[in-house]
Protein backbone atom coordinates (compact mmCIF):
# COMPACT_ATOMS: atom_id res chain seq x y z
CA MET A 1 -0.06 -0.25 -0.10
CA SER A 2 1.70 3.76 -0.92
CA THR A 3 1.68 6.50 1.56
CA GLU A 4 1.41 8.89 -1.42
CA GLN A 5 -1.83 10.32 -2.14
CA PRO A 6 -1.47 12.47 -5.20
CA LYS A 7 -5.45 13.33 -5.18
CA ASN A 8 -5.87 14.57 -2.12
CA LYS A 9 -4.85 18.29 -2.13
CA LEU A 10 -4.55 18.25 1.72
CA HIS A 11 -2.14 15.36 2.18
CA GLY A 12 1.22 16.92 3.37
CA VAL A 13 -0.46 20.44 4.60
CA THR A 14 -0.67 20.62 8.09
CA LEU A 15 -3.68 22.71 9.59
CA ALA A 16 -1.74 25.49 10.63
CA GLN A 17 -0.38 26.34 7.00
CA ILE A 18 -4.26 25.99 5.80
CA VAL A 19 -5.34 28.67 8.39
CA GLU A 20 -2.72 31.24 7.17
CA ALA A 21 -3.10 30.26 3.81
CA LEU A 22 -6.73 31.51 4.12
CA ALA A 23 -6.08 34.24 6.58
CA ALA A 24 -3.24 35.61 4.20
CA HIS A 25 -6.28 35.27 1.04
CA TYR A 26 -9.60 36.63 2.49
CA GLY A 27 -7.81 38.71 5.55
CA TRP A 28 -9.87 37.71 9.37
CA PRO A 29 -12.84 39.61 8.54
CA GLU A 30 -13.47 37.96 5.48
CA LEU A 31 -12.55 34.61 6.83
CA GLY A 32 -15.24 35.35 9.34
CA LYS A 33 -17.80 35.83 7.13
CA GLN A 34 -16.90 32.29 5.26
CA VAL A 35 -16.72 30.48 8.03
CA ASP A 36 -18.62 31.78 11.22
CA ILE A 37 -16.83 30.47 13.92
CA ARG A 38 -16.09 32.74 16.81
CA CYS A 39 -12.35 32.37 16.54
CA PHE A 40 -11.60 33.93 13.18
CA GLN A 41 -14.19 36.99 13.75
CA GLN A 42 -13.06 38.16 17.73
CA ASP A 43 -9.63 38.71 18.09
CA PRO A 44 -8.49 36.25 15.66
CA SER A 45 -4.76 34.69 15.45
CA VAL A 46 -3.39 31.55 14.07
CA ALA A 47 -3.05 29.64 17.28
CA SER A 48 -6.52 30.21 19.00
CA SER A 49 -8.03 28.90 15.49
CA LEU A 50 -5.74 25.68 15.42
CA LYS A 51 -6.97 25.24 19.48
CA PHE A 52 -10.63 25.18 18.16
CA LEU A 53 -10.46 23.29 14.82
CA ARG A 54 -8.35 20.46 16.42
CA ARG A 55 -11.17 20.06 19.34
CA THR A 56 -13.92 20.86 16.60
CA PRO A 57 -14.20 18.06 13.30
CA TRP A 58 -17.30 20.00 12.21
CA ALA A 59 -15.41 23.15 11.64
CA ARG A 60 -12.47 22.25 10.61
CA ALA A 61 -14.11 20.07 7.65
CA LYS A 62 -15.23 23.62 6.61
CA VAL A 63 -12.14 25.27 6.54
CA GLU A 64 -10.44 22.56 4.91
CA SER A 65 -13.44 22.89 2.16
CA LEU A 66 -12.75 26.40 2.10
CA TYR A 67 -8.99 25.94 1.67
CA LEU A 68 -9.96 23.66 -1.61
CA PHE A 69 -12.15 25.79 -2.44
CA MET A 70 -9.15 28.62 -2.62
CA LEU A 71 -7.03 26.40 -4.33
CA ARG A 72 -9.62 25.89 -7.24
CA GLU A 73 -10.09 29.48 -7.35
CA GLN A 74 -6.39 30.16 -7.84
CA VAL A 75 -6.00 27.22 -10.36
CA ARG A 76 -8.88 29.20 -12.93
CA ALA A 77 -7.57 32.54 -11.96
CA GLU A 78 -3.92 31.44 -13.47
CA ARG A 79 -5.91 29.64 -16.64
CA ALA A 80 -7.66 33.06 -17.00
CA GLY A 81 -5.01 34.82 -17.13
CA SER A 82 -2.60 32.88 -19.28
C-alpha cells in the first residue's frame, strides 16, 4: 500500500498552513464571514484558531473545504490569466 496520495490536495499540508493561507488570502474579517466561527471573528489568531479547529471536527471540515475552494479558484485565475 502506497503512502502517497497524489489526488488528496490536503496531504502533507498542516492545519496551521491552511489557516495561514486562508487568512492571507481572505483576511480575518472575510474569513469570519466565510466560516462563521468566533475564533475567526473576535480577536483572531492562528493559535486560537488551531486550538478550536483541532477540537471541533465540523469546523475543521468547513475550513478544509474553503481551503480547497481557494486552491481551485487560484488555478482558475491562473488559467484565465495565461
